[in-house]
Protein backbone atom coordinates (compact mmCIF):
# COMPACT_ATOMS: atom_id res chain seq x y z
CA MET A 1 3.15 -21.88 17.59
CA ASN A 2 1.50 -18.51 16.98
CA LEU A 3 1.30 -18.24 13.21
CA PHE A 4 0.74 -14.49 13.35
CA ASN A 5 3.43 -13.47 15.82
CA LEU A 6 5.77 -10.94 14.22
CA GLN A 7 8.16 -10.63 17.15
CA GLY A 8 11.70 -10.10 15.88
CA GLU A 9 10.56 -8.74 12.50
CA VAL A 10 11.38 -5.26 11.23
CA ALA A 11 8.65 -3.84 9.01
CA VAL A 12 9.10 -0.87 6.70
CA VAL A 13 5.79 0.76 5.81
CA ILE A 14 6.08 3.34 3.05
CA GLY A 15 3.06 5.62 3.03
CA ALA A 16 2.38 5.01 6.72
CA THR A 17 1.51 8.69 7.08
CA GLY A 18 -1.71 8.00 5.14
CA VAL A 19 -4.94 6.41 6.33
CA LEU A 20 -4.50 2.89 4.93
CA GLY A 21 -0.73 2.70 5.31
CA GLY A 22 -1.04 4.01 8.85
CA ALA A 23 -3.55 1.33 9.80
CA LEU A 24 -1.24 -1.34 8.38
CA ALA A 25 1.71 0.07 10.35
CA GLU A 26 -0.32 -0.08 13.55
CA GLY A 27 -1.49 -3.60 12.79
CA LEU A 28 2.02 -4.90 12.16
CA ALA A 29 3.23 -3.26 15.37
CA ALA A 30 0.36 -4.81 17.33
CA ALA A 31 1.47 -8.21 16.00
CA GLY A 32 4.95 -7.59 17.43
CA ALA A 33 6.97 -6.12 14.58
CA LYS A 34 9.24 -3.12 15.01
CA VAL A 35 7.90 -0.63 12.49
CA ALA A 36 9.72 1.97 10.42
CA VAL A 37 7.15 4.61 9.51
CA LEU A 38 8.20 6.20 6.21
CA GLY A 39 6.67 9.24 4.60
CA ARG A 40 7.21 12.86 3.65
CA ASN A 41 5.02 14.49 6.31
CA ALA A 42 6.91 14.53 9.61
CA GLU A 43 3.92 15.71 11.63
CA ARG A 44 1.75 12.81 10.45
CA GLY A 45 4.64 10.40 10.78
CA GLU A 46 5.33 11.30 14.40
CA ALA A 47 1.61 11.13 15.15
CA ARG A 48 1.56 7.59 13.77
CA VAL A 49 4.57 6.63 15.86
CA HIS A 50 2.87 8.04 18.95
CA ALA A 51 -0.29 6.02 18.21
CA ILE A 52 1.82 2.86 18.00
CA THR A 53 4.02 3.44 21.04
CA ALA A 54 1.04 4.48 23.14
CA LYS A 55 -0.25 0.92 22.73
CA GLY A 56 3.09 -0.64 23.65
CA GLY A 57 4.46 -1.08 20.15
CA THR A 58 7.82 -0.07 18.70
CA ALA A 59 8.01 2.45 15.87
CA VAL A 60 10.31 5.14 14.54
CA PHE A 61 9.55 7.76 11.88
CA PHE A 62 11.98 8.22 9.01
CA ALA A 63 11.43 11.05 6.54
CA ALA A 64 11.66 9.66 3.02
CA ASP A 65 10.53 10.43 -0.49
CA ALA A 66 9.71 7.12 -2.19
CA SER A 67 10.29 8.66 -5.61
CA SER A 68 13.94 9.36 -4.74
CA ARG A 69 16.44 6.51 -4.77
CA CYS A 70 18.86 8.52 -2.61
CA SER A 71 16.17 9.31 -0.05
CA LEU A 72 15.20 5.64 0.23
CA ALA A 73 18.83 4.55 0.56
CA GLU A 74 19.42 7.07 3.33
CA ALA A 75 16.30 5.91 5.18
CA HIS A 76 17.34 2.26 4.73
CA GLU A 77 20.70 2.93 6.36
CA LYS A 78 19.05 4.70 9.30
CA ILE A 79 16.50 1.90 9.75
CA GLU A 80 19.19 -0.76 9.95
CA ALA A 81 21.11 1.28 12.50
CA SER A 82 18.02 1.98 14.61
CA LEU A 83 15.72 -1.04 14.31
CA GLY A 84 17.71 -3.72 12.47
CA ALA A 85 17.58 -5.25 9.02
CA PRO A 86 14.11 -4.98 7.41
CA THR A 87 12.33 -8.29 6.86
CA ILE A 88 8.96 -6.87 5.80
CA LEU A 89 8.24 -4.14 3.26
CA VAL A 90 4.77 -2.69 2.74
CA ASN A 91 4.39 -0.35 -0.23
CA ALA A 92 1.31 1.69 0.59
CA ALA A 93 2.17 5.05 -0.99
CA GLY A 94 0.04 6.24 -3.88
CA GLY A 95 -3.04 8.14 -4.92
CA ASN A 96 -4.76 9.80 -7.86
CA ASP A 97 -3.89 13.27 -9.08
CA PRO A 98 -7.04 15.27 -10.01
CA LYS A 99 -5.22 16.51 -13.12
CA VAL A 100 -5.51 13.03 -14.64
CA THR A 101 -9.11 12.43 -13.59
CA VAL A 102 -11.50 12.15 -16.53
CA THR A 103 -14.66 14.21 -16.07
CA ALA A 104 -17.35 15.76 -18.26
CA ASP A 105 -15.13 18.85 -18.54
CA HIS A 106 -11.80 17.03 -18.84
CA ALA A 107 -11.73 14.26 -21.45
CA PHE A 108 -9.11 11.53 -21.75
CA GLU A 109 -7.49 13.22 -24.74
CA GLN A 110 -6.96 16.37 -22.67
CA ILE A 111 -4.69 14.67 -20.14
CA LYS A 112 -1.18 16.05 -20.38
CA LEU A 113 1.63 13.56 -20.80
CA GLU A 114 3.61 15.03 -17.91
CA ASP A 115 0.61 14.64 -15.59
CA TRP A 116 0.09 11.04 -16.73
CA GLN A 117 3.75 10.26 -16.10
CA ALA A 118 3.66 11.97 -12.70
CA ASN A 119 0.79 9.70 -11.65
CA PHE A 120 2.79 6.65 -12.75
CA ASP A 121 5.78 7.95 -10.84
CA LEU A 122 3.64 8.23 -7.72
CA ASN A 123 1.89 4.86 -7.90
CA LEU A 124 4.34 2.61 -9.73
CA VAL A 125 7.85 4.07 -9.70
CA GLY A 126 7.86 5.52 -6.20
CA GLY A 127 4.99 3.32 -5.07
CA VAL A 128 6.68 -0.02 -5.79
CA PHE A 129 9.61 -0.02 -8.25
CA LEU A 130 12.19 2.04 -6.34
CA PRO A 131 11.33 0.70 -2.85
CA CYS A 132 11.61 -2.88 -4.11
CA GLN A 133 14.93 -2.08 -5.75
CA GLU A 134 16.22 -0.60 -2.50
CA PHE A 135 14.98 -3.14 0.07
CA GLY A 136 14.43 -6.32 -1.99
CA PRO A 137 18.06 -7.20 -2.81
CA ALA A 138 19.12 -6.80 0.83
CA MET A 139 16.34 -9.18 1.88
CA ALA A 140 17.36 -11.65 -0.83
CA LYS A 141 20.98 -11.48 0.30
CA ARG A 142 19.89 -12.42 3.83
CA GLY A 143 17.46 -15.04 2.50
CA ARG A 144 14.39 -13.66 4.29
CA GLY A 145 11.73 -11.16 3.37
CA SER A 146 8.09 -10.43 2.68
CA ILE A 147 7.08 -7.63 0.32
CA ILE A 148 3.46 -6.53 0.23
CA ASN A 149 2.32 -4.14 -2.49
CA ILE A 150 -0.99 -2.32 -2.21
CA ALA A 151 -2.95 -2.50 -5.47
CA SER A 152 -6.58 -1.53 -6.12
CA VAL A 153 -9.78 -3.01 -7.50
CA SER A 154 -9.21 -0.66 -10.44
CA ALA A 155 -6.12 -2.70 -11.31
CA HIS A 156 -8.40 -5.61 -12.24
CA LEU A 157 -11.20 -3.66 -13.91
CA PRO A 158 -10.63 -0.02 -14.92
CA LEU A 159 -12.89 2.42 -13.13
CA SER A 160 -14.41 5.46 -14.74
CA ARG A 161 -12.50 8.72 -14.31
CA VAL A 162 -9.26 7.35 -12.78
CA VAL A 163 -7.69 5.97 -15.95
CA SER A 164 -4.06 6.75 -15.09
CA TYR A 165 -4.43 5.42 -11.54
CA SER A 166 -6.05 2.22 -12.83
CA SER A 167 -3.29 1.70 -15.38
CA ALA A 168 -0.55 2.27 -12.80
CA LYS A 169 -2.12 -0.11 -10.29
CA ALA A 170 -2.49 -2.77 -13.00
CA ALA A 171 1.25 -2.41 -13.52
CA VAL A 172 1.76 -2.85 -9.77
CA LEU A 173 0.09 -6.27 -9.97
CA ASN A 174 2.22 -7.28 -12.95
CA LEU A 175 5.44 -6.11 -11.30
CA SER A 176 4.51 -7.98 -8.12
CA LEU A 177 4.18 -11.22 -10.10
CA PHE A 178 7.54 -10.64 -11.79
CA LEU A 179 9.32 -10.04 -8.49
CA ALA A 180 7.60 -13.03 -6.88
CA ARG A 181 9.16 -15.23 -9.54
CA GLU A 182 12.48 -13.39 -9.47
CA TRP A 183 13.08 -13.81 -5.73
CA ALA A 184 11.14 -17.01 -4.99
CA THR A 185 14.27 -19.12 -4.45
CA LYS A 186 15.98 -16.39 -2.42
CA GLY A 187 13.65 -16.42 0.57
CA VAL A 188 11.73 -13.29 -0.44
CA ARG A 189 7.99 -13.56 -1.00
CA VAL A 190 6.17 -10.86 -2.97
CA ASN A 191 2.42 -10.51 -2.79
CA SER A 192 -0.21 -7.82 -3.15
CA ILE A 193 -3.41 -6.73 -1.48
CA THR A 194 -6.30 -5.33 -3.49
CA PRO A 195 -8.41 -3.01 -1.35
CA GLY A 196 -11.91 -2.20 -2.42
CA PHE A 197 -13.27 1.24 -1.59
CA PHE A 198 -11.86 2.75 1.58
CA PRO A 199 -12.48 6.48 2.08
CA ALA A 200 -9.20 8.38 2.40
CA GLU A 201 -7.91 11.88 1.75
CA GLN A 202 -7.34 11.43 -1.98
CA ASN A 203 -10.82 10.11 -2.83
CA ARG A 204 -13.08 11.78 -0.27
CA LYS A 205 -14.18 14.57 -2.62
CA LEU A 206 -15.30 11.97 -5.17
CA LEU A 207 -17.27 10.06 -2.55
CA PHE A 208 -18.93 12.69 -0.38
CA ASN A 209 -20.52 16.07 -0.98
CA GLU A 210 -19.49 19.08 1.10
CA ASP A 211 -22.42 18.46 3.46
CA GLY A 212 -21.23 14.88 4.07
CA SER A 213 -23.94 13.20 2.01
CA PRO A 214 -22.92 10.43 -0.42
CA THR A 215 -22.30 11.39 -4.03
CA ALA A 216 -23.88 9.56 -6.94
CA ARG A 217 -20.55 7.76 -7.35
CA THR A 218 -20.74 6.49 -3.77
CA LYS A 219 -24.26 5.20 -4.31
CA SER A 220 -23.06 3.40 -7.43
CA ILE A 221 -20.16 1.83 -5.51
CA TRP A 222 -22.39 0.65 -2.69
CA GLY A 223 -24.82 -0.80 -5.22
CA HIS A 224 -21.98 -2.74 -6.85
CA THR A 225 -20.54 -3.99 -3.54
CA PRO A 226 -22.36 -7.06 -2.18
CA MET A 227 -21.65 -5.94 1.39
CA GLY A 228 -23.23 -2.59 0.57
CA ARG A 229 -20.69 -0.37 2.32
CA PHE A 230 -17.18 1.02 2.28
CA GLY A 231 -14.34 -0.81 3.98
CA GLU A 232 -12.69 0.41 7.16
CA SER A 233 -8.91 0.71 7.25
CA GLN A 234 -8.58 -1.83 10.08
CA GLU A 235 -10.14 -4.46 7.82
CA LEU A 236 -6.93 -4.58 5.76
CA ILE A 237 -4.76 -5.56 8.71
CA GLY A 238 -5.56 -9.28 8.76
CA ALA A 239 -4.48 -9.84 5.16
CA CYS A 240 -1.32 -7.81 5.72
CA VAL A 241 -0.28 -9.66 8.89
CA PHE A 242 -0.95 -13.00 7.18
CA LEU A 243 1.28 -12.12 4.22
CA ALA A 244 3.94 -10.61 6.50
CA SER A 245 4.15 -13.70 8.70
CA HIS A 246 6.82 -16.13 7.55
CA GLN A 247 5.07 -18.83 9.60
CA ALA A 248 1.54 -18.29 8.29
CA SER A 249 2.31 -17.72 4.60
CA SER A 250 5.67 -19.39 4.01
CA PHE A 251 4.48 -20.99 0.72
CA VAL A 252 2.54 -17.95 -0.50
CA THR A 253 4.07 -15.75 -3.18
CA GLY A 254 2.72 -14.11 -6.32
CA THR A 255 -0.72 -13.92 -4.74
CA ASP A 256 -3.19 -11.04 -4.65
CA ILE A 257 -5.63 -10.95 -1.74
CA ARG A 258 -8.79 -8.99 -2.40
CA VAL A 259 -10.31 -7.10 0.53
CA ASP A 260 -13.17 -5.49 -1.34
CA GLY A 261 -16.48 -6.50 0.21
CA GLY A 262 -17.13 -8.62 -2.87
CA PHE A 263 -16.82 -5.75 -5.36
CA LEU A 264 -14.94 -7.80 -7.96
CA SER A 265 -17.27 -10.77 -7.60
CA GLN A 266 -20.28 -8.90 -8.95
CA THR A 267 -21.07 -7.70 -12.45
CA ILE A 268 -24.71 -6.57 -12.64
């Protein structure tokens, strides 16, 4: 028995138009799952589908706004008609809005409430809450499902500057635990993955100068990471496939897997 064979599974990856979500979509497809690529950017979505199908995988792009219940419901209906009933949900949408980043020129007390709430809407409401409400009950009704929420090392220990993002991701971990308990007897497992530092669009300006050299923040991160480097998006795939596989992780729910190069294991 191949514990990591996802043949026959239908995986919905929200945020698959991004760097990390896209890598996870490709990894699930390589393991045999039919992948629904969800996101707002059609050009990036179709490019991700092409990358998957070019390697022999199955994928279809569905335009969807994770912050809209109606948009998710419409996408869900189309996915079932095109690929079948989803058995895997990966919530990989999210990011940090610069308007809620604390800097020397923008203190915590200067953050506007509407910007704070918008960041929570992005990372918690649209990032996990609404997608789980849309896809989770259908999985529970069928008695089969694996939900994987993407958290962050800042959910465990708040990082400087990204206070709203850290708070929202901490809530993602808490919500994941609640849903793991809620659906445990209904055949739906809910787990999370905590990535360490993986350069992507939303954090590149914090990590690299315009000339490509590392910023002081990057040097601090590397110094705090025992492996001394950033992660690469493909390094998240193994944890995701493990949690997605009903054979490999059938008794795993309410768990957070850290893929952080040891970042959270080190203090000074």
